[in-house]
Amino acid sequence: MSISLLTLNVRSVKDQVRRVGTFSFLAAQNHDVCFLQECRIPYAQSYHQLEQQWTHGPSFWSGGDNLKSSGVTILIKGRHFTTDRVTEQVNGRVLVVGGSWSGEPIRLINVYAPPEKSERLKMFRVLRMQLVTSRTIRMGGDFNCTVELDGRTGSDSAGMDVTSRLLVEMTCEASLRDVVGSMGPNARNYSWSKPDASERSWIDFLFTSATVKPGRSSMVSVHFSDHRAVSFKGNLQGCSPLAPDHGNGTAHCWEESWKIIFRTRTENLGKDEKCNSFFFEKLHSAHTLLVELRDSDGNLQSGKECIMRVITDVYGKLYSPKSSERSQADSFLKDISKTLSPEEREGLNVPFTLEELHLAATTSKRGKTPGSDCLPVELYVELWDLIGPDLLDLYGEVVGKGSMPQSLRESMITLLYKQKGEKEDLKNWRPISLLNVDYKLLAKAMANHLKKVIEKIIHPDQTCGIPGL
């Protein structure tokens, strides 16, 4: 199965005459997917009028909040594409459309990066999350930075900067390849140029899977823009390292995405961190540090490794799985008389909805210490449009397969001194298990499901912890 792509900075389609001319040009090019940038359209709740004017298939739009130059669109030609998700990741800058192309899962990403380096860096960090997926990715756009040292000429020939290196890094992580770069150094052309050619840059890219066989790539000059159109035609399928056949589907992608977040977080730690409550909390905790601990033989152990060995030995035994016989469980449960009707049981088995998960996130307590991934619930709420749909896919896979990814199966144990007794005795420290929020939200959503029927199966003597009973 092949697909033909084009990306172009159109320098505005706000004007009706210019829009009609641009659409006529694109219709004649015979491309399946067109990524357009600098559309210069304002943000709107609906782009129905614009969608109607592209008559060759579905189209998806994102206008800018305040900048006149922003605005992106993805135009589809034909009826091969079925949409299941549209995300305006950054209004007028990053548009993400998920769906299937003739049955093949695909994610289309259109990028129009800001000219300011600091803003571009922020945007790329947001974009990075969208590259972690089991779907085939096709990404095009005006990235306003180059990926080669000789990617610029003229007065502003700075070459690669920090955003260039980040773009290279995150596309490598996602196993994506620039189609023009794959043509070889002799075929390289600059995608933007001043009229007198005094300054030129290679800043417009189309990225496809690195495992797809190189197809036909080209750059074409257009009369209505100072950018050249970059096009590619090749196979759709590509073996991504995160594809279901080479990993664990959504669960594997979830793990990889949080690795990226954690790596980004640790890169910034210490560079721009302020003296917030987290660090004052750390300072306060120094007064309750473990200096020595007695092992099971009563001998004092000091030093990080020895203390950790004592703690691991104690809690390893405490939390180790206990063996149980099925017959014992059956014997314990046989006298239970309260059961659910078939309809009620069926009601518990319905899949989670995005609204249920959002309710679980927004009703969770704020200011809680996060788990080992250091991601608080406030982050989930703030980035819900980005995280929510992936959480829904993840939990559906967890329920369907009956297994959870590592982040949902681990906790971080921290010790809290009870303010009495010898500090050298581990019994005088209270273990607190810090769970990751992705697990907490799953547990809360399941609990909300059970609330609907719990009064029908819980004995009256056990209702003390049930609201309303």
Protein backbone atom coordinates (compact mmCIF):
# COMPACT_ATOMS: atom_id res chain seq x y z
CA MET A 1 0.00 0.00 0.00
CA SER A 2 1.48 3.35 -1.05
CA ILE A 3 0.79 6.90 0.07
CA SER A 4 1.76 10.24 -1.46
CA LEU A 5 2.58 13.19 0.82
CA LEU A 6 3.30 16.89 0.39
CA THR A 7 4.26 19.62 2.85
CA LEU A 8 4.29 23.32 2.04
CA ASN A 9 4.40 26.68 3.81
CA VAL A 10 1.68 28.43 1.79
CA ARG A 11 2.17 31.96 3.16
CA SER A 12 -1.58 32.39 3.87
CA VAL A 13 -4.86 30.94 2.64
CA LYS A 14 -6.91 33.46 4.62
CA ASP A 15 -7.96 35.33 1.49
CA GLN A 16 -10.67 33.57 -0.55
CA VAL A 17 -8.93 34.10 -3.90
CA ARG A 18 -5.60 32.88 -2.56
CA ARG A 19 -7.27 29.87 -0.93
CA VAL A 20 -9.00 28.83 -4.17
CA GLY A 21 -5.75 29.15 -6.08
CA THR A 22 -3.84 27.09 -3.52
CA PHE A 23 -6.51 24.37 -3.47
CA SER A 24 -6.47 24.21 -7.30
CA PHE A 25 -2.70 23.81 -7.30
CA LEU A 26 -2.83 21.02 -4.69
CA ALA A 27 -5.66 19.20 -6.45
CA ALA A 28 -3.56 19.08 -9.61
CA GLN A 29 -0.55 17.63 -7.75
CA ASN A 30 -2.37 14.35 -7.03
CA HIS A 31 -1.11 13.84 -3.45
CA ASP A 32 -3.03 11.81 -0.87
CA VAL A 33 -2.08 14.00 2.13
CA CYS A 34 -1.06 17.66 2.17
CA PHE A 35 0.43 19.38 5.23
CA LEU A 36 0.08 23.18 4.96
CA GLN A 37 1.64 25.76 7.27
CA GLU A 38 1.36 29.53 7.81
CA CYS A 39 -2.30 29.47 6.77
CA ARG A 40 -2.89 32.70 8.73
CA ILE A 41 -6.28 31.65 10.04
CA PRO A 42 -7.56 32.57 13.52
CA TYR A 43 -8.52 29.99 16.11
CA ALA A 44 -12.18 28.94 15.95
CA GLN A 45 -14.49 26.42 17.57
CA SER A 46 -15.46 25.21 14.11
CA TYR A 47 -13.77 25.35 10.71
CA HIS A 48 -16.84 24.15 8.82
CA GLN A 49 -16.62 26.80 6.10
CA LEU A 50 -12.99 25.95 5.34
CA GLU A 51 -13.73 22.23 5.40
CA GLN A 52 -16.48 22.67 2.82
CA GLN A 53 -14.18 24.47 0.38
CA TRP A 54 -11.78 21.51 0.16
CA THR A 55 -14.00 19.21 -1.90
CA HIS A 56 -11.59 16.34 -2.54
CA GLY A 57 -11.85 14.65 0.87
CA PRO A 58 -11.73 15.40 4.59
CA SER A 59 -9.69 18.32 5.94
CA PHE A 60 -8.56 19.27 9.44
CA TRP A 61 -7.70 22.79 10.59
CA SER A 62 -6.10 24.56 13.53
CA GLY A 63 -5.98 28.34 13.79
CA GLY A 64 -3.65 30.46 15.88
CA ASP A 65 -4.56 32.20 19.11
CA ASN A 66 -3.02 35.58 18.39
CA LEU A 67 -0.21 35.43 15.82
CA LYS A 68 -1.29 36.41 12.31
CA SER A 69 1.11 33.97 10.63
CA SER A 70 0.04 30.82 12.47
CA GLY A 71 -2.47 28.25 11.29
CA VAL A 72 -2.07 24.72 9.92
CA THR A 73 -4.21 22.26 8.01
CA ILE A 74 -4.07 18.65 6.86
CA LEU A 75 -5.89 18.01 3.58
CA ILE A 76 -6.83 14.46 2.57
CA LYS A 77 -7.57 13.47 -1.01
CA GLY A 78 -9.91 10.52 -1.54
CA ARG A 79 -11.78 8.35 0.92
CA HIS A 80 -9.03 6.01 2.13
CA PHE A 81 -8.75 7.73 5.51
CA THR A 82 -11.00 7.17 8.54
CA THR A 83 -10.55 9.55 11.50
CA ASP A 84 -10.77 8.55 15.15
CA ARG A 85 -9.00 11.44 16.90
CA VAL A 86 -8.10 15.08 16.14
CA THR A 87 -5.87 17.00 18.55
CA GLU A 88 -4.88 20.65 18.26
CA GLN A 89 -1.75 20.08 20.31
CA VAL A 90 -0.60 23.67 19.97
CA ASN A 91 -3.18 25.96 18.37
CA GLY A 92 -2.06 26.97 14.91
CA ARG A 93 1.25 25.15 15.37
CA VAL A 94 0.85 21.40 15.94
CA LEU A 95 -2.12 19.45 14.57
CA VAL A 96 -2.33 15.69 15.19
CA VAL A 97 -4.87 13.50 13.40
CA GLY A 98 -5.18 9.81 14.20
CA GLY A 99 -7.07 7.23 12.21
CA SER A 100 -6.60 4.45 9.70
CA TRP A 101 -5.54 4.46 6.07
CA SER A 102 -7.25 1.58 4.28
CA GLY A 103 -7.28 -0.24 7.62
CA GLU A 104 -3.67 0.60 8.58
CA PRO A 105 -3.43 2.64 11.85
CA ILE A 106 -1.72 5.96 11.17
CA ARG A 107 -0.93 9.25 12.91
CA LEU A 108 -0.60 12.38 10.78
CA ILE A 109 1.27 15.31 12.35
CA ASN A 110 1.53 18.81 10.89
CA VAL A 111 4.10 21.16 12.45
CA TYR A 112 4.67 24.89 12.06
CA ALA A 113 7.44 25.78 14.50
CA PRO A 114 7.88 29.32 15.87
CA PRO A 115 10.86 31.34 14.62
CA GLU A 116 11.90 32.15 18.22
CA LYS A 117 14.27 29.48 19.52
CA SER A 118 12.91 29.44 23.09
CA GLU A 119 9.30 29.01 21.90
CA ARG A 120 10.38 26.39 19.38
CA LEU A 121 12.13 24.42 22.11
CA LYS A 122 8.98 24.40 24.27
CA MET A 123 6.89 23.25 21.33
CA PHE A 124 9.26 20.42 20.39
CA ARG A 125 9.12 19.10 23.95
CA VAL A 126 5.33 18.90 23.64
CA LEU A 127 5.60 17.37 20.16
CA ARG A 128 7.94 14.68 21.43
CA MET A 129 5.12 12.90 23.26
CA GLN A 130 3.13 12.53 20.04
CA LEU A 131 5.95 10.52 18.46
CA VAL A 132 5.49 7.67 20.94
CA THR A 133 2.78 5.51 19.40
CA SER A 134 2.18 2.08 17.93
CA ARG A 135 0.71 3.73 14.83
CA THR A 136 2.58 4.47 11.62
CA ILE A 137 3.69 8.13 11.71
CA ARG A 138 3.79 10.59 8.83
CA MET A 139 4.93 14.05 9.90
CA GLY A 140 5.48 17.12 7.79
CA GLY A 141 5.94 20.81 8.31
CA ASP A 142 8.01 23.95 8.52
CA PHE A 143 10.24 23.29 11.54
CA ASN A 144 12.12 26.63 11.34
CA CYS A 145 15.41 24.88 12.13
CA THR A 146 17.77 22.69 10.19
CA VAL A 147 19.05 19.19 10.92
CA GLU A 148 22.41 19.63 9.20
CA LEU A 149 25.40 21.84 9.94
CA ASP A 150 25.26 23.19 6.39
CA GLY A 151 21.48 23.61 6.44
CA ARG A 152 21.67 27.42 6.28
CA THR A 153 23.57 29.91 4.14
CA GLY A 154 23.80 33.69 4.26
CA SER A 155 23.84 36.15 7.15
CA ASP A 156 21.94 33.83 9.48
CA SER A 157 24.03 30.73 8.82
CA ALA A 158 24.19 29.54 12.42
CA GLY A 159 23.59 25.93 11.40
CA MET A 160 22.26 23.65 14.11
CA ASP A 161 21.07 24.93 17.48
CA VAL A 162 19.56 23.25 20.55
CA THR A 163 16.20 22.82 18.79
CA SER A 164 17.92 21.19 15.82
CA ARG A 165 19.59 18.67 18.08
CA LEU A 166 16.31 17.96 19.89
CA LEU A 167 14.51 17.43 16.58
CA VAL A 168 17.18 14.97 15.46
CA GLU A 169 17.07 13.18 18.80
CA MET A 170 13.31 12.74 18.99
CA THR A 171 12.93 11.65 15.36
CA CYS A 172 15.68 9.09 15.90
CA GLU A 173 13.84 7.83 19.00
CA ALA A 174 10.72 7.36 16.89
CA SER A 175 12.70 5.74 14.03
CA LEU A 176 11.70 8.49 11.60
CA ARG A 177 13.68 9.55 8.55
CA ASP A 178 13.64 12.78 6.57
CA VAL A 179 12.68 11.88 3.00
CA VAL A 180 14.83 14.58 1.37
CA GLY A 181 17.88 13.71 3.45
CA SER A 182 17.48 10.08 2.40
CA MET A 183 18.00 11.15 -1.25
CA GLY A 184 21.68 11.72 -0.55
CA PRO A 185 23.89 14.83 -0.26
CA ASN A 186 24.06 15.44 -4.01
CA ALA A 187 20.29 15.74 -4.26
CA ARG A 188 19.87 18.16 -1.36
CA ASN A 189 18.16 21.47 -1.96
CA TYR A 190 17.21 24.35 0.28
CA SER A 191 13.49 24.56 1.00
CA TRP A 192 13.36 28.31 1.72
CA SER A 193 15.13 31.18 0.03
CA LYS A 194 15.06 34.95 -0.16
CA PRO A 195 14.19 36.30 -3.62
CA ASP A 196 17.82 37.25 -4.27
CA ALA A 197 19.07 33.91 -2.83
CA SER A 198 21.27 35.77 -0.34
CA GLU A 199 19.90 33.56 2.43
CA ARG A 200 18.71 29.98 2.11
CA SER A 201 17.62 27.35 4.60
CA TRP A 202 16.62 23.70 4.65
CA ILE A 203 13.83 23.86 7.24
CA ASP A 204 10.86 22.06 5.65
CA PHE A 205 10.70 18.31 6.25
CA LEU A 206 8.65 15.20 5.64
CA PHE A 207 9.36 12.37 8.07
CA THR A 208 8.45 8.73 7.45
CA SER A 209 9.40 5.47 9.09
CA ALA A 210 13.11 4.73 8.76
CA THR A 211 12.27 1.13 7.82
CA VAL A 212 10.16 2.09 4.79
CA LYS A 213 11.99 1.60 1.52
CA PRO A 214 13.03 4.97 0.06
CA GLY A 215 10.39 6.21 -2.35
CA ARG A 216 10.25 9.09 -4.79
CA SER A 217 11.08 12.41 -3.12
CA SER A 218 11.26 15.86 -4.64
CA MET A 219 11.24 19.60 -3.99
CA VAL A 220 9.09 21.80 -6.21
CA SER A 221 9.08 25.59 -6.45
CA VAL A 222 5.67 27.28 -6.27
CA HIS A 223 4.82 30.76 -7.47
CA PHE A 224 2.82 31.82 -4.38
CA SER A 225 5.38 31.04 -1.64
CA ASP A 226 9.04 31.56 -0.82
CA HIS A 227 9.11 27.94 0.40
CA ARG A 228 9.38 24.92 -1.87
CA ALA A 229 6.94 22.04 -1.64
CA VAL A 230 8.48 18.81 -0.35
CA SER A 231 6.80 15.65 -1.63
CA PHE A 232 7.19 11.91 -1.15
CA LYS A 233 5.53 8.78 -2.49
CA GLY A 234 6.25 5.40 -0.94
CA ASN A 235 4.91 2.49 1.06
CA LEU A 236 2.72 3.19 4.07
CA GLN A 237 3.76 0.26 6.23
CA GLY A 238 6.95 0.49 8.23
CA CYS A 239 8.30 -1.58 11.09
CA SER A 240 8.33 0.83 14.00
CA PRO A 241 10.12 -0.33 17.17
CA LEU A 242 6.91 0.52 19.03
CA ALA A 243 4.58 -1.34 16.67
CA PRO A 244 2.37 -4.04 18.23
CA ASP A 245 4.26 -6.87 16.53
CA HIS A 246 7.53 -5.64 18.03
CA GLY A 247 6.43 -4.60 21.51
CA ASN A 248 3.45 -4.70 23.81
CA GLY A 249 1.04 -2.33 22.09
CA THR A 250 -0.29 0.60 24.07
CA ALA A 251 1.24 -0.59 27.33
CA HIS A 252 4.72 -0.62 25.79
CA CYS A 253 4.19 2.83 24.26
CA TRP A 254 3.03 4.14 27.66
CA GLU A 255 6.26 2.95 29.25
CA GLU A 256 8.37 4.51 26.50
CA SER A 257 6.54 7.84 26.68
CA TRP A 258 7.17 8.19 30.44
CA LYS A 259 10.83 7.30 29.90
CA ILE A 260 11.03 10.26 27.55
CA ILE A 261 9.31 12.56 30.06
CA PHE A 262 11.57 11.38 32.85
CA ARG A 263 14.69 11.82 30.71
CA THR A 264 13.62 15.35 29.76
CA ARG A 265 12.87 16.13 33.40
CA THR A 266 16.26 14.95 34.60
CA GLU A 267 18.03 16.88 31.85
CA ASN A 268 16.47 20.10 33.15
CA LEU A 269 16.88 19.31 36.85
CA GLY A 270 19.42 21.62 38.37
CA LYS A 271 19.54 23.91 35.32
CA ASP A 272 16.39 25.96 35.86
CA GLU A 273 14.85 24.53 39.03
CA LYS A 274 13.62 27.09 41.52
CA CYS A 275 13.73 26.80 45.33
CA ASN A 276 10.14 25.63 45.61
CA SER A 277 8.36 23.63 48.31
CA PHE A 278 9.83 20.40 46.98
CA PHE A 279 13.38 21.45 47.87
CA PHE A 280 12.40 22.88 51.24
CA GLU A 281 10.70 19.56 51.94
CA LYS A 282 13.92 17.78 51.06
CA LEU A 283 15.84 20.06 53.38
CA HIS A 284 13.42 19.29 56.21
CA SER A 285 13.68 15.54 55.60
CA ALA A 286 17.41 15.66 56.37
CA HIS A 287 16.48 15.78 60.05
CA THR A 288 14.92 12.31 59.80
CA LEU A 289 17.58 10.52 57.78
CA LEU A 290 18.44 6.90 58.41
CA VAL A 291 22.03 6.77 59.59
CA GLU A 292 22.11 3.25 61.07
CA LEU A 293 19.76 0.26 61.24
CA ARG A 294 19.81 -3.00 63.16
CA ASP A 295 19.61 -6.13 61.02
CA SER A 296 17.71 -9.30 61.97
CA ASP A 297 20.63 -10.37 64.19
CA GLY A 298 20.63 -7.08 66.11
CA ASN A 299 23.86 -5.81 64.55
CA LEU A 300 24.07 -2.13 63.58
CA GLN A 301 24.51 -1.55 59.86
CA SER A 302 25.59 1.78 58.37
CA GLY A 303 26.22 3.07 54.89
CA LYS A 304 23.74 3.24 52.04
CA GLU A 305 24.22 -0.29 50.70
CA CYS A 306 24.04 -1.98 54.10
CA ILE A 307 20.97 0.00 55.18
CA MET A 308 19.24 -0.76 51.89
CA ARG A 309 20.02 -4.44 52.35
CA VAL A 310 18.34 -4.46 55.78
CA ILE A 311 15.26 -2.64 54.45
CA THR A 312 15.01 -4.88 51.38
CA ASP A 313 15.27 -8.01 53.51
CA VAL A 314 12.50 -6.92 55.89
CA TYR A 315 10.01 -5.59 53.34
CA GLY A 316 10.86 -8.24 50.77
CA LYS A 317 9.59 -10.85 53.22
CA LEU A 318 6.65 -8.69 54.34
CA TYR A 319 5.34 -8.03 50.83
CA SER A 320 6.26 -11.33 49.19
CA PRO A 321 3.30 -13.20 47.63
CA LYS A 322 1.60 -15.64 49.97
CA SER A 323 0.74 -19.05 48.59
CA SER A 324 -2.91 -20.04 48.72
CA GLU A 325 -4.90 -23.06 47.67
CA ARG A 326 -7.88 -22.65 45.35
CA SER A 327 -9.84 -25.04 47.55
CA GLN A 328 -9.32 -22.73 50.54
CA ALA A 329 -10.62 -19.76 48.56
CA ASP A 330 -13.65 -21.73 47.39
CA SER A 331 -14.37 -22.83 50.96
CA PHE A 332 -14.20 -19.22 52.16
CA LEU A 333 -16.52 -17.92 49.45
CA LYS A 334 -19.12 -20.69 49.36
CA ASP A 335 -21.25 -19.22 52.15
CA ILE A 336 -21.56 -15.77 50.54
CA SER A 337 -25.21 -15.25 49.71
CA LYS A 338 -25.16 -11.75 48.20
CA THR A 339 -24.64 -11.83 44.43
CA LEU A 340 -25.29 -9.61 41.45
CA SER A 341 -27.83 -10.19 38.73
CA PRO A 342 -26.57 -10.98 35.20
CA GLU A 343 -27.49 -7.44 34.12
CA GLU A 344 -25.53 -5.91 36.99
CA ARG A 345 -22.50 -8.06 36.22
CA GLU A 346 -22.71 -7.05 32.59
CA GLY A 347 -22.85 -3.41 33.65
CA LEU A 348 -19.54 -3.79 35.48
CA ASN A 349 -17.88 -5.17 32.36
CA VAL A 350 -18.54 -2.17 30.13
CA PRO A 351 -15.34 -0.43 28.96
CA PHE A 352 -14.17 2.76 30.63
CA THR A 353 -15.08 6.04 28.97
CA LEU A 354 -12.91 9.13 28.62
CA GLU A 355 -15.39 11.03 30.79
CA GLU A 356 -15.03 8.47 33.61
CA LEU A 357 -11.25 8.74 33.56
CA HIS A 358 -11.39 12.54 33.48
CA LEU A 359 -13.71 12.49 36.51
CA ALA A 360 -11.25 10.22 38.34
CA ALA A 361 -8.42 12.67 37.60
CA THR A 362 -10.25 15.88 38.49
CA THR A 363 -11.66 14.48 41.75
CA SER A 364 -8.30 13.14 42.96
CA LYS A 365 -6.69 14.98 45.86
CA ARG A 366 -4.11 17.61 44.93
CA GLY A 367 -0.72 18.16 46.51
CA LYS A 368 0.01 14.46 46.98
CA THR A 369 3.54 13.09 46.72
CA PRO A 370 3.93 11.33 43.35
CA GLY A 371 5.30 7.85 42.76
CA SER A 372 8.56 6.75 41.16
CA ASP A 373 7.79 8.53 37.87
CA CYS A 374 7.55 11.90 39.73
CA LEU A 375 4.37 12.82 37.82
CA PRO A 376 1.61 14.33 40.03
CA VAL A 377 -2.09 14.21 39.26
CA GLU A 378 -2.00 17.97 38.54
CA LEU A 379 0.08 17.19 35.43
CA TYR A 380 -2.51 14.69 34.21
CA VAL A 381 -5.31 17.23 34.65
CA GLU A 382 -3.36 20.02 32.94
CA LEU A 383 -2.40 17.83 29.95
CA TRP A 384 -5.60 15.79 29.83
CA ASP A 385 -6.26 16.39 26.12
CA LEU A 386 -2.87 14.82 25.42
CA ILE A 387 -2.77 12.08 28.06
CA GLY A 388 -6.44 11.13 28.40
CA PRO A 389 -6.97 9.28 25.09
CA ASP A 390 -3.78 7.26 25.58
CA LEU A 391 -4.85 6.37 29.13
CA LEU A 392 -8.17 5.13 27.75
CA ASP A 393 -6.36 2.90 25.24
CA LEU A 394 -3.96 1.71 27.94
CA TYR A 395 -6.67 0.73 30.43
CA GLY A 396 -8.63 -1.02 27.69
CA GLU A 397 -5.55 -3.08 26.89
CA VAL A 398 -4.90 -3.80 30.58
CA VAL A 399 -8.43 -5.13 31.08
CA GLY A 400 -8.38 -7.06 27.81
CA LYS A 401 -5.01 -8.75 28.37
CA GLY A 402 -5.22 -9.05 32.14
CA SER A 403 -1.73 -7.60 32.63
CA MET A 404 -0.33 -4.16 33.43
CA PRO A 405 2.83 -2.31 32.32
CA GLN A 406 5.64 -1.82 34.81
CA SER A 407 4.61 1.70 35.87
CA LEU A 408 1.26 0.37 37.13
CA ARG A 409 2.85 -2.53 39.00
CA GLU A 410 5.46 -0.75 41.06
CA SER A 411 5.50 1.54 44.05
CA MET A 412 8.21 3.46 45.85
CA ILE A 413 8.43 2.82 49.60
CA THR A 414 9.44 5.77 51.73
CA LEU A 415 9.95 5.53 55.49
CA LEU A 416 8.37 7.95 57.96
CA TYR A 417 9.81 8.11 61.48
CA LYS A 418 7.10 7.60 64.13
CA GLN A 419 8.74 10.19 66.44
CA LYS A 420 9.24 7.62 69.16
CA GLY A 421 11.67 4.82 69.92
CA GLU A 422 15.16 4.23 68.58
CA LYS A 423 15.76 5.36 65.02
CA GLU A 424 18.02 2.34 64.58
CA ASP A 425 15.00 0.00 64.89
CA LEU A 426 13.11 -0.35 61.61
CA LYS A 427 9.89 -1.05 63.55
CA ASN A 428 9.86 2.62 64.54
CA TRP A 429 9.58 3.70 60.91
CA ARG A 430 6.25 3.61 59.06
CA PRO A 431 6.45 2.43 55.43
CA ILE A 432 4.51 4.58 52.97
CA SER A 433 3.97 3.15 49.49
CA LEU A 434 3.95 5.88 46.84
CA LEU A 435 1.99 4.70 43.81
CA ASN A 436 2.13 6.22 40.35
CA VAL A 437 -0.89 8.26 39.31
CA ASP A 438 -1.63 6.07 36.28
CA TYR A 439 -2.32 3.19 38.69
CA LYS A 440 -4.33 5.39 41.07
CA LEU A 441 -6.60 6.60 38.28
CA LEU A 442 -7.25 3.04 37.13
CA ALA A 443 -8.09 1.99 40.69
CA LYS A 444 -10.35 5.03 41.18
CA ALA A 445 -12.19 4.41 37.92
CA MET A 446 -12.76 0.76 38.89
CA ALA A 447 -13.96 1.84 42.34
CA ASN A 448 -16.44 4.24 40.74
CA HIS A 449 -17.77 1.33 38.68
CA LEU A 450 -18.22 -0.75 41.83
CA LYS A 451 -20.01 2.06 43.69
CA LYS A 452 -23.07 1.42 41.55
CA VAL A 453 -23.59 -2.07 43.01
CA ILE A 454 -21.46 -2.27 46.13
CA GLU A 455 -24.37 -1.85 48.55
CA LYS A 456 -25.91 -5.01 47.10
CA ILE A 457 -22.92 -7.23 47.88
CA ILE A 458 -21.47 -5.76 51.10
CA HIS A 459 -22.81 -7.05 54.41
CA PRO A 460 -24.37 -4.39 56.71
CA ASP A 461 -21.62 -5.05 59.26
CA GLN A 462 -19.00 -3.92 56.70
CA THR A 463 -20.52 -0.66 55.46
CA CYS A 464 -18.56 1.73 57.67
CA GLY A 465 -16.28 2.79 54.83
CA ILE A 466 -18.95 3.11 52.15
CA PRO A 467 -20.33 6.65 51.55
CA GLY A 468 -24.07 6.91 52.19
CA LEU A 469 -24.40 3.54 53.95
